[in-house]
Amino acid sequence: MEPLPARAKRVVVVDDDRDTAELVQTILLDEGFAVSCLYLGDPAEVRAAIDRIEPDCVLLDGGDLRHVAATWETATWLVDRPRPIPTVLLTGHPPTRDEAVVDRSDRAKAARVVGVIAKPFDIDLLVAAVHNAVGEPVRPSTDAEELDHQAQLLGRLRAAGAAELTGSELGRVWATFRAGDPASTFKVYRWRAAGAYFVGRYRSGGAQMEPLGQFTDLDALVAYCTRQIERTPPAG
């Protein structure tokens, strides 16, 4: 793994879904950030940890109906600190997402989040939101090897019959497709530093990612994804 830049921007991911948090950490490490994950549920413990780390950005899980009030309180605390920290909301709870996007409620106005990312998340949008939060431009990759990996991944998944297949417009190696019964959302991401592909799944309507496997070989990855695609019942 290449060393992080001497002045790498620090990001804290606050999410009790460890699998999603660790995938986000992997993605942002590839982007050159220094990333810590907090799985704490107690707001006081979260604030104490953030005070110790003093990050440049916080990715804050939007929670569900039981925890949404604490999420807004934490987001407001982050922006009201003596050293404000920009917050990106990462949520699988549609009402919280909509409240943040519309920005009409008092608590949404007070929180002043700088970005909202819905789960299952688009990796390009996530990367762009964090770069924007720390005041750095996001740069599309021009690395020929990475672009070749991306083209091979999408081409082989398309040939396998992946439905609703999407990939990165920033030159990152990732893909999302639908498969299964009922149709689930599968995510594939290549961790550049480790040369490994990760596969996870969001069940239909779900907000928590289920890790499915890790592959160092593209052939093995495509074979696994093909099995998931072949289990998809015919339309109609």
C-alpha atoms as a PDB file:
ATOM      1  CA  MET A   1       0.000   0.000   0.000  1.00  0.00           C
ATOM      2  CA  GLU A   2       1.312   3.456  -0.848  1.00  0.00           C
ATOM      3  CA  PRO A   3       1.845   5.733   2.182  1.00  0.00           C
ATOM      4  CA  LEU A   4      -0.733   8.417   2.791  1.00  0.00           C
ATOM      5  CA  PRO A   5       0.262  12.000   1.990  1.00  0.00           C
ATOM      6  CA  ALA A   6       1.939  13.765   4.904  1.00  0.00           C
ATOM      7  CA  ARG A   7      -1.032  16.089   5.223  1.00  0.00           C
ATOM      8  CA  ALA A   8      -3.802  13.688   4.326  1.00  0.00           C
ATOM      9  CA  LYS A   9      -7.240  15.009   5.187  1.00  0.00           C
ATOM     10  CA  ARG A  10      -8.826  13.142   8.071  1.00  0.00           C
ATOM     11  CA  VAL A  11     -12.295  11.615   7.702  1.00  0.00           C
ATOM     12  CA  VAL A  12     -14.387   9.915  10.388  1.00  0.00           C
ATOM     13  CA  VAL A  13     -17.131   7.491   9.380  1.00  0.00           C
ATOM     14  CA  VAL A  14     -19.854   7.133  12.040  1.00  0.00           C
ATOM     15  CA  ASP A  15     -22.044   4.125  11.265  1.00  0.00           C
ATOM     16  CA  ASP A  16     -23.193   1.123  13.292  1.00  0.00           C
ATOM     17  CA  ASP A  17     -23.275  -0.907  10.066  1.00  0.00           C
ATOM     18  CA  ARG A  18     -19.665  -2.105  10.195  1.00  0.00           C
ATOM     19  CA  ASP A  19     -19.701  -3.602   6.725  1.00  0.00           C
ATOM     20  CA  THR A  20     -20.783  -0.372   5.077  1.00  0.00           C
ATOM     21  CA  ALA A  21     -18.408   1.681   7.234  1.00  0.00           C
ATOM     22  CA  GLU A  22     -15.446  -0.514   6.334  1.00  0.00           C
ATOM     23  CA  LEU A  23     -16.263  -0.388   2.620  1.00  0.00           C
ATOM     24  CA  VAL A  24     -16.469   3.402   2.822  1.00  0.00           C
ATOM     25  CA  GLN A  25     -13.140   3.407   4.673  1.00  0.00           C
ATOM     26  CA  THR A  26     -11.538   1.314   1.926  1.00  0.00           C
ATOM     27  CA  ILE A  27     -12.858   3.594  -0.812  1.00  0.00           C
ATOM     28  CA  LEU A  28     -11.630   6.742   0.918  1.00  0.00           C
ATOM     29  CA  LEU A  29      -8.226   5.252   1.745  1.00  0.00           C
ATOM     30  CA  ASP A  30      -7.820   4.685  -1.996  1.00  0.00           C
ATOM     31  CA  GLU A  31      -8.624   8.377  -2.434  1.00  0.00           C
ATOM     32  CA  GLY A  32      -5.723   9.346  -0.146  1.00  0.00           C
ATOM     33  CA  PHE A  33      -7.695  10.211   2.993  1.00  0.00           C
ATOM     34  CA  ALA A  34      -6.823   9.140   6.527  1.00  0.00           C
ATOM     35  CA  VAL A  35      -9.989   7.378   7.676  1.00  0.00           C
ATOM     36  CA  SER A  36     -11.283   6.262  11.088  1.00  0.00           C
ATOM     37  CA  CYS A  37     -14.519   4.375  11.762  1.00  0.00           C
ATOM     38  CA  LEU A  38     -16.729   4.847  14.818  1.00  0.00           C
ATOM     39  CA  TYR A  39     -19.372   2.217  15.511  1.00  0.00           C
ATOM     40  CA  LEU A  40     -20.552   3.864  18.717  1.00  0.00           C
ATOM     41  CA  GLY A  41     -24.247   4.401  19.326  1.00  0.00           C
ATOM     42  CA  ASP A  42     -23.971   6.819  22.241  1.00  0.00           C
ATOM     43  CA  PRO A  43     -23.822  10.452  21.031  1.00  0.00           C
ATOM     44  CA  ALA A  44     -21.606  11.530  23.944  1.00  0.00           C
ATOM     45  CA  GLU A  45     -19.034   8.862  23.053  1.00  0.00           C
ATOM     46  CA  VAL A  46     -19.161   9.870  19.385  1.00  0.00           C
ATOM     47  CA  ARG A  47     -18.512  13.502  20.283  1.00  0.00           C
ATOM     48  CA  ALA A  48     -15.658  12.609  22.610  1.00  0.00           C
ATOM     49  CA  ALA A  49     -14.010  10.508  19.883  1.00  0.00           C
ATOM     50  CA  ILE A  50     -14.408  13.264  17.302  1.00  0.00           C
ATOM     51  CA  ASP A  51     -12.886  15.776  19.727  1.00  0.00           C
ATOM     52  CA  ARG A  52      -9.851  13.489  20.013  1.00  0.00           C
ATOM     53  CA  ILE A  53      -9.471  12.903  16.270  1.00  0.00           C
ATOM     54  CA  GLU A  54     -10.343  16.416  15.033  1.00  0.00           C
ATOM     55  CA  PRO A  55     -11.219  15.259  11.503  1.00  0.00           C
ATOM     56  CA  ASP A  56     -11.696  17.456   8.453  1.00  0.00           C
ATOM     57  CA  CYS A  57     -14.998  15.769   7.550  1.00  0.00           C
ATOM     58  CA  VAL A  58     -17.501  13.435   9.184  1.00  0.00           C
ATOM     59  CA  LEU A  59     -19.618  10.925   7.300  1.00  0.00           C
ATOM     60  CA  LEU A  60     -22.604  10.497   9.589  1.00  0.00           C
ATOM     61  CA  ASP A  61     -25.089   7.644   9.348  1.00  0.00           C
ATOM     62  CA  GLY A  62     -28.614   9.025   9.059  1.00  0.00           C
ATOM     63  CA  GLY A  63     -29.976   6.246  11.248  1.00  0.00           C
ATOM     64  CA  ASP A  64     -33.539   5.022  11.388  1.00  0.00           C
ATOM     65  CA  LEU A  65     -36.661   6.375  13.022  1.00  0.00           C
ATOM     66  CA  ARG A  66     -35.395   5.468  16.521  1.00  0.00           C
ATOM     67  CA  HIS A  67     -32.099   7.333  16.172  1.00  0.00           C
ATOM     68  CA  VAL A  68     -32.812  10.139  13.735  1.00  0.00           C
ATOM     69  CA  ALA A  69     -33.115  12.823  16.454  1.00  0.00           C
ATOM     70  CA  ALA A  70     -29.642  11.960  17.754  1.00  0.00           C
ATOM     71  CA  THR A  71     -28.292  12.154  14.195  1.00  0.00           C
ATOM     72  CA  TRP A  72     -29.566  15.697  13.732  1.00  0.00           C
ATOM     73  CA  GLU A  73     -28.243  16.728  17.152  1.00  0.00           C
ATOM     74  CA  THR A  74     -24.791  15.363  16.349  1.00  0.00           C
ATOM     75  CA  ALA A  75     -24.749  17.068  12.944  1.00  0.00           C
ATOM     76  CA  THR A  76     -25.690  20.388  14.578  1.00  0.00           C
ATOM     77  CA  TRP A  77     -23.003  19.925  17.246  1.00  0.00           C
ATOM     78  CA  LEU A  78     -20.398  19.314  14.517  1.00  0.00           C
ATOM     79  CA  VAL A  79     -21.136  22.579  12.737  1.00  0.00           C
ATOM     80  CA  ASP A  80     -21.446  24.594  15.969  1.00  0.00           C
ATOM     81  CA  ARG A  81     -18.080  23.516  17.423  1.00  0.00           C
ATOM     82  CA  PRO A  82     -15.357  26.172  17.865  1.00  0.00           C
ATOM     83  CA  ARG A  83     -13.732  24.395  14.890  1.00  0.00           C
ATOM     84  CA  PRO A  84     -16.722  23.423  12.717  1.00  0.00           C
ATOM     85  CA  ILE A  85     -16.518  20.108  10.895  1.00  0.00           C
ATOM     86  CA  PRO A  86     -18.425  19.666   7.620  1.00  0.00           C
ATOM     87  CA  THR A  87     -20.812  16.735   7.682  1.00  0.00           C
ATOM     88  CA  VAL A  88     -21.976  14.425   4.907  1.00  0.00           C
ATOM     89  CA  LEU A  89     -25.113  12.469   5.772  1.00  0.00           C
ATOM     90  CA  LEU A  90     -25.026   8.819   4.675  1.00  0.00           C
ATOM     91  CA  THR A  91     -28.501   7.388   5.115  1.00  0.00           C
ATOM     92  CA  GLY A  92     -30.749   4.533   4.104  1.00  0.00           C
ATOM     93  CA  HIS A  93     -33.745   6.219   5.769  1.00  0.00           C
ATOM     94  CA  PRO A  94     -35.707   8.007   2.996  1.00  0.00           C
ATOM     95  CA  PRO A  95     -37.510  10.508   5.282  1.00  0.00           C
ATOM     96  CA  THR A  96     -34.155  11.631   6.735  1.00  0.00           C
ATOM     97  CA  ARG A  97     -32.657  11.900   3.266  1.00  0.00           C
ATOM     98  CA  ASP A  98     -35.578  13.964   2.005  1.00  0.00           C
ATOM     99  CA  GLU A  99     -35.547  16.210   5.076  1.00  0.00           C
ATOM    100  CA  ALA A 100     -31.870  16.949   4.541  1.00  0.00           C
ATOM    101  CA  VAL A 101     -32.195  17.553   0.806  1.00  0.00           C
ATOM    102  CA  VAL A 102     -35.231  19.827   1.065  1.00  0.00           C
ATOM    103  CA  ASP A 103     -33.664  21.622   4.065  1.00  0.00           C
ATOM    104  CA  ARG A 104     -36.921  23.111   5.315  1.00  0.00           C
ATOM    105  CA  SER A 105     -37.126  21.761   8.858  1.00  0.00           C
ATOM    106  CA  ASP A 106     -35.527  23.693  11.714  1.00  0.00           C
ATOM    107  CA  ARG A 107     -33.187  20.843  12.570  1.00  0.00           C
ATOM    108  CA  ALA A 108     -32.062  20.398   8.961  1.00  0.00           C
ATOM    109  CA  LYS A 109     -31.315  24.111   8.723  1.00  0.00           C
ATOM    110  CA  ALA A 110     -29.396  24.006  12.001  1.00  0.00           C
ATOM    111  CA  ALA A 111     -27.317  20.989  10.905  1.00  0.00           C
ATOM    112  CA  ARG A 112     -26.220  22.552   7.596  1.00  0.00           C
ATOM    113  CA  VAL A 113     -24.919  19.266   6.189  1.00  0.00           C
ATOM    114  CA  VAL A 114     -22.773  19.742   3.084  1.00  0.00           C
ATOM    115  CA  GLY A 115     -23.864  16.555   1.342  1.00  0.00           C
ATOM    116  CA  VAL A 116     -26.440  13.773   1.444  1.00  0.00           C
ATOM    117  CA  ILE A 117     -25.677  10.272   0.142  1.00  0.00           C
ATOM    118  CA  ALA A 118     -28.435   7.667  -0.002  1.00  0.00           C
ATOM    119  CA  LYS A 119     -27.800   3.985   0.723  1.00  0.00           C
ATOM    120  CA  PRO A 120     -27.182   1.898  -1.320  1.00  0.00           C
ATOM    121  CA  PHE A 121     -24.674   4.579  -2.264  1.00  0.00           C
ATOM    122  CA  ASP A 122     -23.140   5.573  -5.575  1.00  0.00           C
ATOM    123  CA  ILE A 123     -19.363   5.494  -5.086  1.00  0.00           C
ATOM    124  CA  ASP A 124     -18.704   8.415  -7.431  1.00  0.00           C
ATOM    125  CA  LEU A 125     -21.173  10.565  -5.483  1.00  0.00           C
ATOM    126  CA  LEU A 126     -19.614   9.518  -2.190  1.00  0.00           C
ATOM    127  CA  VAL A 127     -16.094  10.348  -3.379  1.00  0.00           C
ATOM    128  CA  ALA A 128     -17.194  13.695  -4.799  1.00  0.00           C
ATOM    129  CA  ALA A 129     -19.096  14.627  -1.619  1.00  0.00           C
ATOM    130  CA  VAL A 130     -16.111  13.996   0.645  1.00  0.00           C
ATOM    131  CA  HIS A 131     -13.675  15.835  -1.622  1.00  0.00           C
ATOM    132  CA  ASN A 132     -16.105  18.761  -1.721  1.00  0.00           C
ATOM    133  CA  ALA A 133     -16.506  18.725   2.066  1.00  0.00           C
ATOM    134  CA  VAL A 134     -12.755  19.050   2.657  1.00  0.00           C
ATOM    135  CA  GLY A 135     -12.335  21.646  -0.082  1.00  0.00           C
ATOM    136  CA  GLU A 136     -10.402  19.484  -2.537  1.00  0.00           C
ATOM    137  CA  PRO A 137     -11.291  18.815  -6.179  1.00  0.00           C
ATOM    138  CA  VAL A 138     -12.126  15.288  -7.206  1.00  0.00           C
ATOM    139  CA  ARG A 139     -10.012  14.211 -10.144  1.00  0.00           C
ATOM    140  CA  PRO A 140     -11.063  11.564 -12.664  1.00  0.00           C
ATOM    141  CA  SER A 141      -8.470   8.819 -12.907  1.00  0.00           C
ATOM    142  CA  THR A 142      -6.188   8.771 -15.936  1.00  0.00           C
ATOM    143  CA  ASP A 143      -4.372   5.635 -14.819  1.00  0.00           C
ATOM    144  CA  ALA A 144      -4.389   3.317 -17.834  1.00  0.00           C
ATOM    145  CA  GLU A 145      -4.300   0.163 -15.728  1.00  0.00           C
ATOM    146  CA  GLU A 146      -7.272   1.233 -13.623  1.00  0.00           C
ATOM    147  CA  LEU A 147      -9.267   2.256 -16.675  1.00  0.00           C
ATOM    148  CA  ASP A 148      -8.533  -1.146 -18.214  1.00  0.00           C
ATOM    149  CA  HIS A 149      -9.677  -2.910 -15.016  1.00  0.00           C
ATOM    150  CA  GLN A 150     -12.901  -0.890 -15.104  1.00  0.00           C
ATOM    151  CA  ALA A 151     -13.564  -1.671 -18.765  1.00  0.00           C
ATOM    152  CA  GLN A 152     -12.945  -5.385 -18.223  1.00  0.00           C
ATOM    153  CA  LEU A 153     -15.179  -5.511 -15.141  1.00  0.00           C
ATOM    154  CA  LEU A 154     -18.133  -3.799 -16.812  1.00  0.00           C
ATOM    155  CA  GLY A 155     -17.692  -5.671 -20.080  1.00  0.00           C
ATOM    156  CA  ARG A 156     -17.661  -9.083 -18.452  1.00  0.00           C
ATOM    157  CA  LEU A 157     -20.599  -8.342 -16.146  1.00  0.00           C
ATOM    158  CA  ARG A 158     -22.565  -7.029 -19.112  1.00  0.00           C
ATOM    159  CA  ALA A 159     -21.766 -10.203 -21.061  1.00  0.00           C
ATOM    160  CA  ALA A 160     -22.946 -12.260 -18.086  1.00  0.00           C
ATOM    161  CA  GLY A 161     -26.338 -10.549 -18.303  1.00  0.00           C
ATOM    162  CA  ALA A 162     -26.120  -8.138 -15.345  1.00  0.00           C
ATOM    163  CA  ALA A 163     -29.260  -5.999 -15.121  1.00  0.00           C
ATOM    164  CA  GLU A 164     -29.202  -2.242 -14.437  1.00  0.00           C
ATOM    165  CA  LEU A 165     -25.417  -2.293 -14.615  1.00  0.00           C
ATOM    166  CA  THR A 166     -23.656   0.957 -13.741  1.00  0.00           C
ATOM    167  CA  GLY A 167     -20.037   1.889 -13.182  1.00  0.00           C
ATOM    168  CA  SER A 168     -17.799   4.804 -12.356  1.00  0.00           C
ATOM    169  CA  GLU A 169     -17.504   7.935 -14.467  1.00  0.00           C
ATOM    170  CA  LEU A 170     -14.404   8.922 -12.472  1.00  0.00           C
ATOM    171  CA  GLY A 171     -12.242   6.002 -13.551  1.00  0.00           C
ATOM    172  CA  ARG A 172     -12.665   4.061 -10.308  1.00  0.00           C
ATOM    173  CA  VAL A 173     -13.158   0.303 -10.534  1.00  0.00           C
ATOM    174  CA  TRP A 174     -16.649  -0.364  -9.259  1.00  0.00           C
ATOM    175  CA  ALA A 175     -19.932  -1.712 -10.524  1.00  0.00           C
ATOM    176  CA  THR A 176     -23.518  -1.977  -9.340  1.00  0.00           C
ATOM    177  CA  PHE A 177     -26.066  -4.394 -10.754  1.00  0.00           C
ATOM    178  CA  ARG A 178     -29.375  -6.026  -9.873  1.00  0.00           C
ATOM    179  CA  ALA A 179     -29.824  -9.762  -9.466  1.00  0.00           C
ATOM    180  CA  GLY A 180     -31.436 -12.379  -7.252  1.00  0.00           C
ATOM    181  CA  ASP A 181     -34.911 -13.278  -6.048  1.00  0.00           C
ATOM    182  CA  PRO A 182     -36.226 -10.837  -5.028  1.00  0.00           C
ATOM    183  CA  ALA A 183     -33.858  -8.584  -6.970  1.00  0.00           C
ATOM    184  CA  SER A 184     -31.068  -7.302  -4.769  1.00  0.00           C
ATOM    185  CA  THR A 185     -28.467  -4.639  -5.449  1.00  0.00           C
ATOM    186  CA  PHE A 186     -24.924  -5.995  -5.748  1.00  0.00           C
ATOM    187  CA  LYS A 187     -21.879  -3.802  -5.388  1.00  0.00           C
ATOM    188  CA  VAL A 188     -18.390  -4.640  -6.590  1.00  0.00           C
ATOM    189  CA  TYR A 189     -15.406  -2.492  -5.679  1.00  0.00           C
ATOM    190  CA  ARG A 190     -11.717  -2.996  -6.405  1.00  0.00           C
ATOM    191  CA  TRP A 191      -9.457  -1.878  -3.571  1.00  0.00           C
ATOM    192  CA  ARG A 192      -6.512  -0.550  -5.546  1.00  0.00           C
ATOM    193  CA  ALA A 193      -4.004  -0.750  -2.701  1.00  0.00           C
ATOM    194  CA  ALA A 194      -4.695  -4.446  -2.109  1.00  0.00           C
ATOM    195  CA  GLY A 195      -5.572  -5.456  -5.666  1.00  0.00           C
ATOM    196  CA  ALA A 196      -8.706  -7.182  -4.364  1.00  0.00           C
ATOM    197  CA  TYR A 197     -12.358  -7.072  -5.411  1.00  0.00           C
ATOM    198  CA  PHE A 198     -15.048  -6.806  -2.744  1.00  0.00           C
ATOM    199  CA  VAL A 199     -18.648  -7.880  -3.319  1.00  0.00           C
ATOM    200  CA  GLY A 200     -21.596  -6.886  -1.149  1.00  0.00           C
ATOM    201  CA  ARG A 201     -25.366  -6.975  -1.419  1.00  0.00           C
ATOM    202  CA  TYR A 202     -28.262  -4.788  -0.370  1.00  0.00           C
ATOM    203  CA  ARG A 203     -31.490  -6.740  -0.109  1.00  0.00           C
ATOM    204  CA  SER A 204     -34.456  -5.161  -1.855  1.00  0.00           C
ATOM    205  CA  GLY A 205     -35.523  -2.142   0.186  1.00  0.00           C
ATOM    206  CA  GLY A 206     -32.732  -2.671   2.730  1.00  0.00           C
ATOM    207  CA  ALA A 207     -30.199  -0.150   3.982  1.00  0.00           C
ATOM    208  CA  GLN A 208     -27.543  -2.472   5.427  1.00  0.00           C
ATOM    209  CA  MET A 209     -24.935  -4.074   3.224  1.00  0.00           C
ATOM    210  CA  GLU A 210     -24.266  -7.795   3.473  1.00  0.00           C
ATOM    211  CA  PRO A 211     -20.624  -8.672   2.640  1.00  0.00           C
ATOM    212  CA  LEU A 212     -20.445 -11.629   0.266  1.00  0.00           C
ATOM    213  CA  GLY A 213     -16.811 -12.164  -0.582  1.00  0.00           C
ATOM    214  CA  GLN A 214     -13.384 -10.939  -1.574  1.00  0.00           C
ATOM    215  CA  PHE A 215     -11.589 -11.969  -4.774  1.00  0.00           C
ATOM    216  CA  THR A 216      -8.098 -11.310  -6.073  1.00  0.00           C
ATOM    217  CA  ASP A 217      -8.869 -12.842  -9.456  1.00  0.00           C
ATOM    218  CA  LEU A 218     -11.263 -11.247 -11.950  1.00  0.00           C
ATOM    219  CA  ASP A 219     -12.277 -14.642 -13.381  1.00  0.00           C
ATOM    220  CA  ALA A 220     -13.357 -15.872  -9.933  1.00  0.00           C
ATOM    221  CA  LEU A 221     -15.232 -12.629  -9.280  1.00  0.00           C
ATOM    222  CA  VAL A 222     -17.125 -12.810 -12.575  1.00  0.00           C
ATOM    223  CA  ALA A 223     -17.946 -16.498 -12.014  1.00  0.00           C
ATOM    224  CA  TYR A 224     -19.425 -15.641  -8.621  1.00  0.00           C
ATOM    225  CA  CYS A 225     -21.437 -12.719  -9.982  1.00  0.00           C
ATOM    226  CA  THR A 226     -22.661 -14.852 -12.881  1.00  0.00           C
ATOM    227  CA  ARG A 227     -24.113 -17.365 -10.417  1.00  0.00           C
ATOM    228  CA  GLN A 228     -26.042 -14.553  -8.730  1.00  0.00           C
ATOM    229  CA  ILE A 229     -27.309 -13.310 -12.092  1.00  0.00           C
ATOM    230  CA  GLU A 230     -28.413 -16.794 -13.168  1.00  0.00           C
ATOM    231  CA  ARG A 231     -30.600 -17.049 -10.061  1.00  0.00           C
ATOM    232  CA  THR A 232     -32.656 -14.056 -11.157  1.00  0.00           C
ATOM    233  CA  PRO A 233     -36.167 -15.163 -12.226  1.00  0.00           C
ATOM    234  CA  PRO A 234     -37.328 -14.151 -15.718  1.00  0.00           C
ATOM    235  CA  ALA A 235     -39.187 -10.849 -15.951  1.00  0.00           C
ATOM    236  CA  GLY A 236     -42.957 -11.154 -16.025  1.00  0.00           C
END
